[in-house]
Amino acid sequence: MTPRPLQTAVLLIGILLAATLVSMLVPPALQRTVTETLIKVVVVIGLYIFVGNSGIFSFGHVAFMSLGAYGSALLTLAPARKDALLDLPPWLESLQLPWPVAMILVTMAVGLVALVFGLLIGKLRGIAPAMATFALLMVVHVVASNWQGVTGGRQALVGLPRFVNLWVAYGAAAIAILIASAYAMTGHSLLLRASRENEVAASATGVDIGRERLIAFVISAMVMAAGGILYAHFVGTITANIFYLDMTFVTLTMLVVGGSRSLTGAVVGVVMISAVSELLRSVERGIDLVGTTLSAPPGLQEIVLSVLLLTILILRPLGLLGNSELGWSRPANRATTAFKEDN
């Protein structure tokens, strides 16, 4: 179902209240965990905009995170540090922009990259678009891992300005939610969801599926780029491996667990998987219980998350929330319902 303005407002207020309580009651270490969770909310919502509306699973959207992170790093690093770490043209080496300006420029540039790539895959059907996005991820990863002069290659790019705190992350998450909600209420989203339900019927009624997928793809990529920028300036250092398979599968798991067709589900999936992961990391490190330290072998986190994902896929194929938003379940929209009835 399409998220209504009231539902979006309730979601934003709920996250705001949670962030406020965290800022007042929990220690700094846990605040960092919540900040990282809010950044992942931005990333998973970026995935939801394309995957949830089109029904096409993308294994390459993390590539846009990588482009955003490295692009922002090149524009915000101090010239002296760029001179020591990289081999850049003089004009780029001497350039240092304020982070809001860099974020806007990089996000727009990533949108252009997504536009070009989206045009190339716009006419693909079946499993081909998903495989094409995975190919994009591999290309970006290989380039980032080997372009020593621009990305630092396999070495970490350190010294990024660290401007992301709890409230910056909340603001970004709120903007991402508003973007996803606003797009979901447009005619473009309606047509794309119709093609998701029945591609043949949508095409037969005049829906330009390639165009609708392209619009969602570009918006999604720009939100993902913003998430990558936030993550880079949260940790202060980046490597190519951060934005590769681990990040891809974790973010997809969050989306699938919560419900890939629900904006609320995307947020719930992030919160749930982040909470479980943090608990399992604590168990792996060891927990003091009545004078005894209980610990689990390394790898428990991956095993439990895999079992959790498998269980939800069996019991709730559409995720915990399915098509619902904040507990209300209705047909997604009249257009998609009509396509189902015709077939």
C-alpha atoms as a PDB file:
ATOM      1  CA  MET A   1       0.000   0.000   0.000  1.00  0.00           C
ATOM      2  CA  THR A   2       1.046   3.600  -0.530  1.00  0.00           C
ATOM      3  CA  PRO A   3       2.226   5.372   2.652  1.00  0.00           C
ATOM      4  CA  ARG A   4      -0.202   8.183   3.534  1.00  0.00           C
ATOM      5  CA  PRO A   5       0.954  11.568   4.868  1.00  0.00           C
ATOM      6  CA  LEU A   6      -0.390  10.722   8.334  1.00  0.00           C
ATOM      7  CA  GLN A   7       1.463   7.413   8.399  1.00  0.00           C
ATOM      8  CA  THR A   8       4.666   9.116   7.275  1.00  0.00           C
ATOM      9  CA  ALA A   9       4.276  11.746  10.003  1.00  0.00           C
ATOM     10  CA  VAL A  10       3.745   9.056  12.654  1.00  0.00           C
ATOM     11  CA  LEU A  11       6.844   7.213  11.421  1.00  0.00           C
ATOM     12  CA  LEU A  12       8.957  10.387  11.570  1.00  0.00           C
ATOM     13  CA  ILE A  13       7.681  11.304  15.024  1.00  0.00           C
ATOM     14  CA  GLY A  14       8.320   7.786  16.297  1.00  0.00           C
ATOM     15  CA  ILE A  15      11.935   7.848  15.103  1.00  0.00           C
ATOM     16  CA  LEU A  16      12.353  11.364  16.528  1.00  0.00           C
ATOM     17  CA  LEU A  17      11.124  10.263  19.953  1.00  0.00           C
ATOM     18  CA  ALA A  18      13.447   7.245  19.876  1.00  0.00           C
ATOM     19  CA  ALA A  19      16.420   9.440  18.894  1.00  0.00           C
ATOM     20  CA  THR A  20      15.583  11.922  21.668  1.00  0.00           C
ATOM     21  CA  LEU A  21      15.459   9.186  24.292  1.00  0.00           C
ATOM     22  CA  VAL A  22      18.724   7.739  23.020  1.00  0.00           C
ATOM     23  CA  SER A  23      20.441  11.142  23.191  1.00  0.00           C
ATOM     24  CA  MET A  24      19.338  11.616  26.807  1.00  0.00           C
ATOM     25  CA  LEU A  25      19.548   8.154  28.330  1.00  0.00           C
ATOM     26  CA  VAL A  26      22.134   5.930  26.660  1.00  0.00           C
ATOM     27  CA  PRO A  27      25.946   6.061  26.777  1.00  0.00           C
ATOM     28  CA  PRO A  28      27.993   7.422  23.842  1.00  0.00           C
ATOM     29  CA  ALA A  29      28.982   3.948  22.621  1.00  0.00           C
ATOM     30  CA  LEU A  30      25.360   2.932  22.166  1.00  0.00           C
ATOM     31  CA  GLN A  31      24.572   6.317  20.604  1.00  0.00           C
ATOM     32  CA  ARG A  32      27.100   5.486  17.889  1.00  0.00           C
ATOM     33  CA  THR A  33      25.259   2.225  17.239  1.00  0.00           C
ATOM     34  CA  VAL A  34      21.950   4.078  16.921  1.00  0.00           C
ATOM     35  CA  THR A  35      23.576   6.644  14.616  1.00  0.00           C
ATOM     36  CA  GLU A  36      24.849   3.867  12.368  1.00  0.00           C
ATOM     37  CA  THR A  37      21.366   2.337  12.392  1.00  0.00           C
ATOM     38  CA  LEU A  38      19.852   5.632  11.209  1.00  0.00           C
ATOM     39  CA  ILE A  39      22.404   5.796   8.395  1.00  0.00           C
ATOM     40  CA  LYS A  40      21.362   2.299   7.336  1.00  0.00           C
ATOM     41  CA  VAL A  41      17.750   3.477   7.383  1.00  0.00           C
ATOM     42  CA  VAL A  42      18.749   5.948   4.651  1.00  0.00           C
ATOM     43  CA  VAL A  43      20.456   3.185   2.674  1.00  0.00           C
ATOM     44  CA  VAL A  44      17.627   0.652   2.954  1.00  0.00           C
ATOM     45  CA  ILE A  45      15.023   3.275   2.064  1.00  0.00           C
ATOM     46  CA  GLY A  46      17.117   3.990  -1.021  1.00  0.00           C
ATOM     47  CA  LEU A  47      16.840   0.306  -1.894  1.00  0.00           C
ATOM     48  CA  TYR A  48      13.104   0.314  -1.154  1.00  0.00           C
ATOM     49  CA  ILE A  49      12.420   3.143  -3.609  1.00  0.00           C
ATOM     50  CA  PHE A  50      13.548   0.952  -6.509  1.00  0.00           C
ATOM     51  CA  VAL A  51      13.177  -2.631  -5.283  1.00  0.00           C
ATOM     52  CA  GLY A  52       9.885  -2.152  -3.465  1.00  0.00           C
ATOM     53  CA  ASN A  53       8.173  -0.313  -6.292  1.00  0.00           C
ATOM     54  CA  SER A  54       9.601  -2.216  -9.259  1.00  0.00           C
ATOM     55  CA  GLY A  55       9.826  -5.717  -7.789  1.00  0.00           C
ATOM     56  CA  ILE A  56      13.354  -6.043  -9.227  1.00  0.00           C
ATOM     57  CA  PHE A  57      16.002  -6.998  -6.699  1.00  0.00           C
ATOM     58  CA  SER A  58      19.143  -4.969  -7.186  1.00  0.00           C
ATOM     59  CA  PHE A  59      22.460  -6.440  -6.091  1.00  0.00           C
ATOM     60  CA  GLY A  60      24.387  -3.369  -7.207  1.00  0.00           C
ATOM     61  CA  HIS A  61      22.948  -0.377  -5.378  1.00  0.00           C
ATOM     62  CA  VAL A  62      25.792  -0.440  -2.869  1.00  0.00           C
ATOM     63  CA  ALA A  63      27.959   0.695  -5.796  1.00  0.00           C
ATOM     64  CA  PHE A  64      26.219   4.067  -5.529  1.00  0.00           C
ATOM     65  CA  MET A  65      27.159   4.181  -1.844  1.00  0.00           C
ATOM     66  CA  SER A  66      30.772   3.656  -2.889  1.00  0.00           C
ATOM     67  CA  LEU A  67      30.613   6.397  -5.518  1.00  0.00           C
ATOM     68  CA  GLY A  68      29.071   8.782  -3.016  1.00  0.00           C
ATOM     69  CA  ALA A  69      31.617   8.011  -0.315  1.00  0.00           C
ATOM     70  CA  TYR A  70      34.679   8.363  -2.527  1.00  0.00           C
ATOM     71  CA  GLY A  71      33.290  11.416  -4.303  1.00  0.00           C
ATOM     72  CA  SER A  72      32.660  13.207  -1.024  1.00  0.00           C
ATOM     73  CA  ALA A  73      36.085  12.186   0.267  1.00  0.00           C
ATOM     74  CA  LEU A  74      37.805  13.767  -2.745  1.00  0.00           C
ATOM     75  CA  LEU A  75      35.916  17.025  -2.231  1.00  0.00           C
ATOM     76  CA  THR A  76      36.232  17.335   1.561  1.00  0.00           C
ATOM     77  CA  LEU A  77      39.679  15.955   2.417  1.00  0.00           C
ATOM     78  CA  ALA A  78      42.318  18.512   3.329  1.00  0.00           C
ATOM     79  CA  PRO A  79      44.712  19.266   0.425  1.00  0.00           C
ATOM     80  CA  ALA A  80      47.744  18.203   2.464  1.00  0.00           C
ATOM     81  CA  ARG A  81      46.208  14.800   3.156  1.00  0.00           C
ATOM     82  CA  LYS A  82      45.237  14.326  -0.496  1.00  0.00           C
ATOM     83  CA  ASP A  83      48.796  15.194  -1.480  1.00  0.00           C
ATOM     84  CA  ALA A  84      50.120  12.521   0.890  1.00  0.00           C
ATOM     85  CA  LEU A  85      47.633   9.757   0.018  1.00  0.00           C
ATOM     86  CA  LEU A  86      46.621  10.275  -3.597  1.00  0.00           C
ATOM     87  CA  ASP A  87      47.861  11.407  -6.992  1.00  0.00           C
ATOM     88  CA  LEU A  88      45.238  13.896  -8.158  1.00  0.00           C
ATOM     89  CA  PRO A  89      45.197  16.732 -10.676  1.00  0.00           C
ATOM     90  CA  PRO A  90      46.315  20.013  -9.030  1.00  0.00           C
ATOM     91  CA  TRP A  91      42.859  21.613  -9.239  1.00  0.00           C
ATOM     92  CA  LEU A  92      41.219  18.672  -7.470  1.00  0.00           C
ATOM     93  CA  GLU A  93      43.998  18.300  -4.934  1.00  0.00           C
ATOM     94  CA  SER A  94      43.655  21.920  -3.824  1.00  0.00           C
ATOM     95  CA  LEU A  95      39.856  21.819  -3.717  1.00  0.00           C
ATOM     96  CA  GLN A  96      38.187  21.482  -0.315  1.00  0.00           C
ATOM     97  CA  LEU A  97      34.455  22.146  -0.071  1.00  0.00           C
ATOM     98  CA  PRO A  98      32.123  22.372   2.935  1.00  0.00           C
ATOM     99  CA  TRP A  99      30.427  19.021   3.457  1.00  0.00           C
ATOM    100  CA  PRO A 100      26.869  20.189   2.622  1.00  0.00           C
ATOM    101  CA  VAL A 101      28.043  21.539  -0.755  1.00  0.00           C
ATOM    102  CA  ALA A 102      30.061  18.411  -1.446  1.00  0.00           C
ATOM    103  CA  MET A 103      27.103  16.216  -0.517  1.00  0.00           C
ATOM    104  CA  ILE A 104      24.770  18.008  -2.918  1.00  0.00           C
ATOM    105  CA  LEU A 105      27.267  17.940  -5.798  1.00  0.00           C
ATOM    106  CA  VAL A 106      28.208  14.299  -5.331  1.00  0.00           C
ATOM    107  CA  THR A 107      24.596  13.178  -4.977  1.00  0.00           C
ATOM    108  CA  MET A 108      23.696  14.923  -8.236  1.00  0.00           C
ATOM    109  CA  ALA A 109      26.730  13.431  -9.985  1.00  0.00           C
ATOM    110  CA  VAL A 110      25.774   9.929  -8.841  1.00  0.00           C
ATOM    111  CA  GLY A 111      22.267  10.608 -10.139  1.00  0.00           C
ATOM    112  CA  LEU A 112      23.753  11.272 -13.591  1.00  0.00           C
ATOM    113  CA  VAL A 113      25.734   8.021 -13.418  1.00  0.00           C
ATOM    114  CA  ALA A 114      22.542   6.176 -12.475  1.00  0.00           C
ATOM    115  CA  LEU A 115      20.724   7.839 -15.361  1.00  0.00           C
ATOM    116  CA  VAL A 116      23.270   6.582 -17.880  1.00  0.00           C
ATOM    117  CA  PHE A 117      23.364   3.091 -16.412  1.00  0.00           C
ATOM    118  CA  GLY A 118      19.588   3.005 -16.069  1.00  0.00           C
ATOM    119  CA  LEU A 119      19.194   3.817 -19.744  1.00  0.00           C
ATOM    120  CA  LEU A 120      21.438   0.872 -20.591  1.00  0.00           C
ATOM    121  CA  ILE A 121      19.451  -1.647 -18.542  1.00  0.00           C
ATOM    122  CA  GLY A 122      16.007  -0.072 -18.948  1.00  0.00           C
ATOM    123  CA  LYS A 123      14.855  -2.517 -21.606  1.00  0.00           C
ATOM    124  CA  LEU A 124      16.116  -5.654 -19.879  1.00  0.00           C
ATOM    125  CA  ARG A 125      13.507  -8.044 -18.534  1.00  0.00           C
ATOM    126  CA  GLY A 126      13.347 -11.016 -16.211  1.00  0.00           C
ATOM    127  CA  ILE A 127      16.451 -11.683 -14.151  1.00  0.00           C
ATOM    128  CA  ALA A 128      18.699  -9.653 -16.483  1.00  0.00           C
ATOM    129  CA  PRO A 129      18.309  -6.274 -14.668  1.00  0.00           C
ATOM    130  CA  ALA A 130      19.299  -7.825 -11.331  1.00  0.00           C
ATOM    131  CA  MET A 131      22.384  -9.433 -12.874  1.00  0.00           C
ATOM    132  CA  ALA A 132      23.263  -6.159 -14.611  1.00  0.00           C
ATOM    133  CA  THR A 133      23.216  -4.307 -11.290  1.00  0.00           C
ATOM    134  CA  PHE A 134      25.524  -6.948  -9.809  1.00  0.00           C
ATOM    135  CA  ALA A 135      27.887  -6.389 -12.721  1.00  0.00           C
ATOM    136  CA  LEU A 136      27.867  -2.669 -11.894  1.00  0.00           C
ATOM    137  CA  LEU A 137      28.806  -3.467  -8.290  1.00  0.00           C
ATOM    138  CA  MET A 138      31.728  -5.590  -9.433  1.00  0.00           C
ATOM    139  CA  VAL A 139      32.997  -2.936 -11.857  1.00  0.00           C
ATOM    140  CA  VAL A 140      32.861  -0.160  -9.257  1.00  0.00           C
ATOM    141  CA  HIS A 141      34.547  -2.381  -6.659  1.00  0.00           C
ATOM    142  CA  VAL A 142      37.394  -3.385  -8.983  1.00  0.00           C
ATOM    143  CA  VAL A 143      38.000   0.225 -10.036  1.00  0.00           C
ATOM    144  CA  ALA A 144      37.920   1.484  -6.450  1.00  0.00           C
ATOM    145  CA  SER A 145      40.275  -1.306  -5.349  1.00  0.00           C
ATOM    146  CA  ASN A 146      42.877  -0.615  -8.025  1.00  0.00           C
ATOM    147  CA  TRP A 147      42.773   3.091  -8.883  1.00  0.00           C
ATOM    148  CA  GLN A 148      45.564   3.955  -6.487  1.00  0.00           C
ATOM    149  CA  GLY A 149      45.909   7.595  -7.429  1.00  0.00           C
ATOM    150  CA  VAL A 150      42.233   8.499  -6.944  1.00  0.00           C
ATOM    151  CA  THR A 151      40.791   6.103  -4.361  1.00  0.00           C
ATOM    152  CA  GLY A 152      43.902   4.920  -2.554  1.00  0.00           C
ATOM    153  CA  GLY A 153      43.442   1.433  -3.991  1.00  0.00           C
ATOM    154  CA  ARG A 154      43.315  -1.323  -1.396  1.00  0.00           C
ATOM    155  CA  GLN A 155      44.650   0.980   1.304  1.00  0.00           C
ATOM    156  CA  ALA A 156      42.270   2.793   3.595  1.00  0.00           C
ATOM    157  CA  LEU A 157      41.456   6.396   2.772  1.00  0.00           C
ATOM    158  CA  VAL A 158      41.722   8.051   6.174  1.00  0.00           C
ATOM    159  CA  GLY A 159      41.173  11.472   7.668  1.00  0.00           C
ATOM    160  CA  LEU A 160      37.695  12.227   6.329  1.00  0.00           C
ATOM    161  CA  PRO A 161      35.889  15.011   8.233  1.00  0.00           C
ATOM    162  CA  ARG A 162      33.590  13.337  10.765  1.00  0.00           C
ATOM    163  CA  PHE A 163      30.486  15.522  10.854  1.00  0.00           C
ATOM    164  CA  VAL A 164      27.821  12.819  11.241  1.00  0.00           C
ATOM    165  CA  ASN A 165      26.268  12.563  14.697  1.00  0.00           C
ATOM    166  CA  LEU A 166      22.933  11.282  15.960  1.00  0.00           C
ATOM    167  CA  TRP A 167      20.964  14.332  14.824  1.00  0.00           C
ATOM    168  CA  VAL A 168      22.590  14.609  11.403  1.00  0.00           C
ATOM    169  CA  ALA A 169      21.764  10.934  10.856  1.00  0.00           C
ATOM    170  CA  TYR A 170      18.184  11.465  12.031  1.00  0.00           C
ATOM    171  CA  GLY A 171      17.763  14.445   9.711  1.00  0.00           C
ATOM    172  CA  ALA A 172      19.038  12.389   6.775  1.00  0.00           C
ATOM    173  CA  ALA A 173      16.737   9.484   7.658  1.00  0.00           C
ATOM    174  CA  ALA A 174      13.767  11.855   7.891  1.00  0.00           C
ATOM    175  CA  ILE A 175      14.548  13.356   4.482  1.00  0.00           C
ATOM    176  CA  ALA A 176      14.907   9.869   2.975  1.00  0.00           C
ATOM    177  CA  ILE A 177      11.518   8.859   4.402  1.00  0.00           C
ATOM    178  CA  LEU A 178       9.911  12.010   3.017  1.00  0.00           C
ATOM    179  CA  ILE A 179      11.450  11.417  -0.426  1.00  0.00           C
ATOM    180  CA  ALA A 180      10.264   7.809  -0.501  1.00  0.00           C
ATOM    181  CA  SER A 181       6.786   8.776   0.704  1.00  0.00           C
ATOM    182  CA  ALA A 182       6.483  11.638  -1.782  1.00  0.00           C
ATOM    183  CA  TYR A 183       7.568   9.415  -4.665  1.00  0.00           C
ATOM    184  CA  ALA A 184       5.143   6.668  -3.601  1.00  0.00           C
ATOM    185  CA  MET A 185       2.235   9.113  -3.951  1.00  0.00           C
ATOM    186  CA  THR A 186       3.111  10.103  -7.517  1.00  0.00           C
ATOM    187  CA  GLY A 187       1.636   8.690 -10.697  1.00  0.00           C
ATOM    188  CA  HIS A 188       5.072   7.370 -11.669  1.00  0.00           C
ATOM    189  CA  SER A 189       5.164   5.140  -8.603  1.00  0.00           C
ATOM    190  CA  LEU A 190       1.604   3.985  -9.287  1.00  0.00           C
ATOM    191  CA  LEU A 191       2.522   2.913 -12.821  1.00  0.00           C
ATOM    192  CA  LEU A 192       5.706   1.213 -11.660  1.00  0.00           C
ATOM    193  CA  ARG A 193       3.865  -0.767  -8.987  1.00  0.00           C
ATOM    194  CA  ALA A 194       1.331  -1.786 -11.627  1.00  0.00           C
ATOM    195  CA  SER A 195       4.159  -3.179 -13.770  1.00  0.00           C
ATOM    196  CA  ARG A 196       5.490  -4.959 -10.686  1.00  0.00           C
ATOM    197  CA  GLU A 197       2.208  -6.821 -10.287  1.00  0.00           C
ATOM    198  CA  ASN A 198       1.749  -7.695 -13.977  1.00  0.00           C
ATOM    199  CA  GLU A 199       4.352  -6.528 -16.450  1.00  0.00           C
ATOM    200  CA  VAL A 200       2.502  -7.788 -19.521  1.00  0.00           C
ATOM    201  CA  ALA A 201      -0.799  -6.146 -18.586  1.00  0.00           C
ATOM    202  CA  ALA A 202       0.934  -2.879 -17.683  1.00  0.00           C
ATOM    203  CA  SER A 203       2.784  -2.785 -20.989  1.00  0.00           C
ATOM    204  CA  ALA A 204      -0.415  -3.610 -22.898  1.00  0.00           C
ATOM    205  CA  THR A 205      -2.183  -0.608 -21.364  1.00  0.00           C
ATOM    206  CA  GLY A 206       0.535   1.801 -22.448  1.00  0.00           C
ATOM    207  CA  VAL A 207       2.808   1.962 -19.391  1.00  0.00           C
ATOM    208  CA  ASP A 208       6.358   2.847 -20.393  1.00  0.00           C
ATOM    209  CA  ILE A 209       7.994   0.376 -18.016  1.00  0.00           C
ATOM    210  CA  GLY A 210      11.546   1.352 -18.924  1.00  0.00           C
ATOM    211  CA  ARG A 211      10.883   5.028 -18.186  1.00  0.00           C
ATOM    212  CA  GLU A 212       9.177   4.326 -14.857  1.00  0.00           C
ATOM    213  CA  ARG A 213      11.974   2.031 -13.750  1.00  0.00           C
ATOM    214  CA  LEU A 214      14.547   4.629 -14.772  1.00  0.00           C
ATOM    215  CA  ILE A 215      12.916   7.353 -12.648  1.00  0.00           C
ATOM    216  CA  ALA A 216      12.830   5.125  -9.574  1.00  0.00           C
ATOM    217  CA  PHE A 217      16.378   3.916 -10.258  1.00  0.00           C
ATOM    218  CA  VAL A 218      17.828   7.437 -10.350  1.00  0.00           C
ATOM    219  CA  ILE A 219      16.004   8.595  -7.204  1.00  0.00           C
ATOM    220  CA  SER A 220      17.041   5.411  -5.426  1.00  0.00           C
ATOM    221  CA  ALA A 221      20.683   5.799  -6.470  1.00  0.00           C
ATOM    222  CA  MET A 222      20.829   9.378  -5.190  1.00  0.00           C
ATOM    223  CA  VAL A 223      19.460   8.344  -1.784  1.00  0.00           C
ATOM    224  CA  MET A 224      21.973   5.476  -1.680  1.00  0.00           C
ATOM    225  CA  ALA A 225      24.782   7.916  -2.516  1.00  0.00           C
ATOM    226  CA  ALA A 226      23.704  10.135   0.382  1.00  0.00           C
ATOM    227  CA  GLY A 227      23.813   7.068   2.633  1.00  0.00           C
ATOM    228  CA  GLY A 228      27.340   6.286   1.463  1.00  0.00           C
ATOM    229  CA  ILE A 229      28.449   9.860   2.140  1.00  0.00           C
ATOM    230  CA  LEU A 230      26.983   9.743   5.636  1.00  0.00           C
ATOM    231  CA  TYR A 231      28.620   6.401   6.379  1.00  0.00           C
ATOM    232  CA  ALA A 232      32.035   7.575   5.164  1.00  0.00           C
ATOM    233  CA  HIS A 233      31.924  10.731   7.271  1.00  0.00           C
ATOM    234  CA  PHE A 234      30.636   8.766  10.251  1.00  0.00           C
ATOM    235  CA  VAL A 235      33.517   6.276  10.409  1.00  0.00           C
ATOM    236  CA  GLY A 236      36.118   8.733   9.043  1.00  0.00           C
ATOM    237  CA  THR A 237      37.862   6.138   6.891  1.00  0.00           C
ATOM    238  CA  ILE A 238      36.821   4.044   3.892  1.00  0.00           C
ATOM    239  CA  THR A 239      38.052   1.112   1.848  1.00  0.00           C
ATOM    240  CA  ALA A 240      36.591  -0.468  -1.252  1.00  0.00           C
ATOM    241  CA  ASN A 241      35.656  -3.640   0.648  1.00  0.00           C
ATOM    242  CA  ILE A 242      33.255  -1.730   2.903  1.00  0.00           C
ATOM    243  CA  PHE A 243      30.944  -1.179  -0.049  1.00  0.00           C
ATOM    244  CA  TYR A 244      30.862  -4.664  -1.470  1.00  0.00           C
ATOM    245  CA  LEU A 245      29.211  -8.008  -0.760  1.00  0.00           C
ATOM    246  CA  ASP A 246      28.816  -7.729   3.027  1.00  0.00           C
ATOM    247  CA  MET A 247      27.031  -4.385   2.799  1.00  0.00           C
ATOM    248  CA  THR A 248      24.959  -5.624  -0.135  1.00  0.00           C
ATOM    249  CA  PHE A 249      23.632  -8.688   1.630  1.00  0.00           C
ATOM    250  CA  VAL A 250      23.091  -6.975   4.984  1.00  0.00           C
ATOM    251  CA  THR A 251      21.024  -4.165   3.479  1.00  0.00           C
ATOM    252  CA  LEU A 252      19.028  -6.560   1.294  1.00  0.00           C
ATOM    253  CA  THR A 253      18.374  -8.733   4.348  1.00  0.00           C
ATOM    254  CA  MET A 254      17.079  -5.714   6.253  1.00  0.00           C
ATOM    255  CA  LEU A 255      14.721  -4.855   3.405  1.00  0.00           C
ATOM    256  CA  VAL A 256      13.455  -8.413   2.931  1.00  0.00           C
ATOM    257  CA  VAL A 257      12.938  -9.047   6.656  1.00  0.00           C
ATOM    258  CA  GLY A 258      10.900  -5.882   7.176  1.00  0.00           C
ATOM    259  CA  GLY A 259       8.996  -6.090   3.910  1.00  0.00           C
ATOM    260  CA  SER A 260      10.356  -4.892   0.587  1.00  0.00           C
ATOM    261  CA  ARG A 261       6.985  -3.385  -0.437  1.00  0.00           C
ATOM    262  CA  SER A 262       6.505  -1.313   2.709  1.00  0.00           C
ATOM    263  CA  LEU A 263       8.242   1.912   3.731  1.00  0.00           C
ATOM    264  CA  THR A 264       7.529   1.147   7.369  1.00  0.00           C
ATOM    265  CA  GLY A 265       8.797  -2.373   6.767  1.00  0.00           C
ATOM    266  CA  ALA A 266      12.106  -1.034   5.484  1.00  0.00           C
ATOM    267  CA  VAL A 267      12.584   0.907   8.733  1.00  0.00           C
ATOM    268  CA  VAL A 268      11.441  -2.021  10.900  1.00  0.00           C
ATOM    269  CA  GLY A 269      13.839  -4.365   9.103  1.00  0.00           C
ATOM    270  CA  VAL A 270      16.790  -2.056   9.750  1.00  0.00           C
ATOM    271  CA  VAL A 271      15.944  -1.685  13.438  1.00  0.00           C
ATOM    272  CA  MET A 272      15.359  -5.401  13.941  1.00  0.00           C
ATOM    273  CA  ILE A 273      18.486  -6.651  12.167  1.00  0.00           C
ATOM    274  CA  SER A 274      20.644  -3.940  13.802  1.00  0.00           C
ATOM    275  CA  ALA A 275      19.356  -4.866  17.266  1.00  0.00           C
ATOM    276  CA  VAL A 276      19.908  -8.589  16.710  1.00  0.00           C
ATOM    277  CA  SER A 277      23.380  -7.981  15.259  1.00  0.00           C
ATOM    278  CA  GLU A 278      24.415  -5.796  18.192  1.00  0.00           C
ATOM    279  CA  LEU A 279      23.158  -8.407  20.683  1.00  0.00           C
ATOM    280  CA  LEU A 280      25.052 -11.186  18.914  1.00  0.00           C
ATOM    281  CA  ARG A 281      28.221  -9.084  18.743  1.00  0.00           C
ATOM    282  CA  SER A 282      27.971  -8.597  22.509  1.00  0.00           C
ATOM    283  CA  VAL A 283      27.596 -12.351  23.007  1.00  0.00           C
ATOM    284  CA  GLU A 284      30.624 -13.025  20.800  1.00  0.00           C
ATOM    285  CA  ARG A 285      32.680 -10.549  22.842  1.00  0.00           C
ATOM    286  CA  GLY A 286      31.498 -12.162  26.069  1.00  0.00           C
ATOM    287  CA  ILE A 287      28.845 -11.278  28.635  1.00  0.00           C
ATOM    288  CA  ASP A 288      29.499 -11.304  32.396  1.00  0.00           C
ATOM    289  CA  LEU A 289      26.735 -13.245  34.134  1.00  0.00           C
ATOM    290  CA  VAL A 290      26.948 -13.965  37.877  1.00  0.00           C
ATOM    291  CA  GLY A 291      30.720 -13.919  37.835  1.00  0.00           C
ATOM    292  CA  THR A 292      30.924 -16.100  34.736  1.00  0.00           C
ATOM    293  CA  THR A 293      31.783 -14.857  31.256  1.00  0.00           C
ATOM    294  CA  LEU A 294      29.551 -16.345  28.595  1.00  0.00           C
ATOM    295  CA  SER A 295      30.776 -16.058  25.038  1.00  0.00           C
ATOM    296  CA  ALA A 296      29.948 -17.568  21.669  1.00  0.00           C
ATOM    297  CA  PRO A 297      32.318 -18.620  18.890  1.00  0.00           C
ATOM    298  CA  PRO A 298      32.945 -16.157  16.057  1.00  0.00           C
ATOM    299  CA  GLY A 299      30.476 -16.434  13.221  1.00  0.00           C
ATOM    300  CA  LEU A 300      27.373 -16.757  15.410  1.00  0.00           C
ATOM    301  CA  GLN A 301      26.047 -13.468  14.069  1.00  0.00           C
ATOM    302  CA  GLU A 302      26.098 -14.643  10.451  1.00  0.00           C
ATOM    303  CA  ILE A 303      24.505 -17.993  11.326  1.00  0.00           C
ATOM    304  CA  VAL A 304      21.665 -16.494  13.365  1.00  0.00           C
ATOM    305  CA  LEU A 305      20.918 -13.822  10.743  1.00  0.00           C
ATOM    306  CA  SER A 306      20.842 -16.483   8.023  1.00  0.00           C
ATOM    307  CA  VAL A 307      18.432 -18.633  10.035  1.00  0.00           C
ATOM    308  CA  LEU A 308      16.292 -15.584  10.802  1.00  0.00           C
ATOM    309  CA  LEU A 309      16.116 -14.630   7.124  1.00  0.00           C
ATOM    310  CA  LEU A 310      15.256 -18.193   6.088  1.00  0.00           C
ATOM    311  CA  THR A 311      12.535 -18.436   8.740  1.00  0.00           C
ATOM    312  CA  ILE A 312      10.902 -15.171   7.694  1.00  0.00           C
ATOM    313  CA  LEU A 313      11.058 -16.112   4.008  1.00  0.00           C
ATOM    314  CA  ILE A 314       9.223 -19.358   4.822  1.00  0.00           C
ATOM    315  CA  LEU A 315       6.640 -17.942   7.209  1.00  0.00           C
ATOM    316  CA  ARG A 316       6.252 -14.421   5.781  1.00  0.00           C
ATOM    317  CA  PRO A 317       7.399 -14.391   2.136  1.00  0.00           C
ATOM    318  CA  LEU A 318       6.614 -10.654   1.831  1.00  0.00           C
ATOM    319  CA  GLY A 319       8.432  -9.791   5.076  1.00  0.00           C
ATOM    320  CA  LEU A 320       7.136  -8.953   8.520  1.00  0.00           C
ATOM    321  CA  LEU A 321       4.869  -6.125   7.336  1.00  0.00           C
ATOM    322  CA  GLY A 322       4.153  -7.336   3.808  1.00  0.00           C
ATOM    323  CA  ASN A 323       2.256  -4.543   2.033  1.00  0.00           C
ATOM    324  CA  SER A 324       1.217  -2.864   5.278  1.00  0.00           C
ATOM    325  CA  GLU A 325       2.145   0.571   6.597  1.00  0.00           C
ATOM    326  CA  LEU A 326       2.053   1.022  10.371  1.00  0.00           C
ATOM    327  CA  GLY A 327      -0.253  -1.931  10.826  1.00  0.00           C
ATOM    328  CA  TRP A 328      -2.875  -1.035   8.183  1.00  0.00           C
ATOM    329  CA  SER A 329      -3.207  -3.484   5.321  1.00  0.00           C
ATOM    330  CA  ARG A 330      -5.084  -2.684   2.129  1.00  0.00           C
ATOM    331  CA  PRO A 331      -4.730  -3.488  -1.567  1.00  0.00           C
ATOM    332  CA  ALA A 332      -1.669  -1.655  -2.867  1.00  0.00           C
ATOM    333  CA  ASN A 333      -3.724   0.497  -5.254  1.00  0.00           C
ATOM    334  CA  ARG A 334      -6.672   0.220  -7.590  1.00  0.00           C
ATOM    335  CA  ALA A 335      -4.472  -0.041 -10.693  1.00  0.00           C
ATOM    336  CA  THR A 336      -2.556  -3.093  -9.481  1.00  0.00           C
ATOM    337  CA  THR A 337      -5.764  -4.697  -8.217  1.00  0.00           C
ATOM    338  CA  ALA A 338      -7.334  -4.253 -11.659  1.00  0.00           C
ATOM    339  CA  PHE A 339      -4.338  -5.875 -13.327  1.00  0.00           C
ATOM    340  CA  LYS A 340      -4.652  -8.873 -10.981  1.00  0.00           C
ATOM    341  CA  GLU A 341      -8.363  -9.255 -11.695  1.00  0.00           C
ATOM    342  CA  ASP A 342      -7.755  -9.185 -15.454  1.00  0.00           C
ATOM    343  CA  ASN A 343      -5.403 -12.118 -15.140  1.00  0.00           C
END
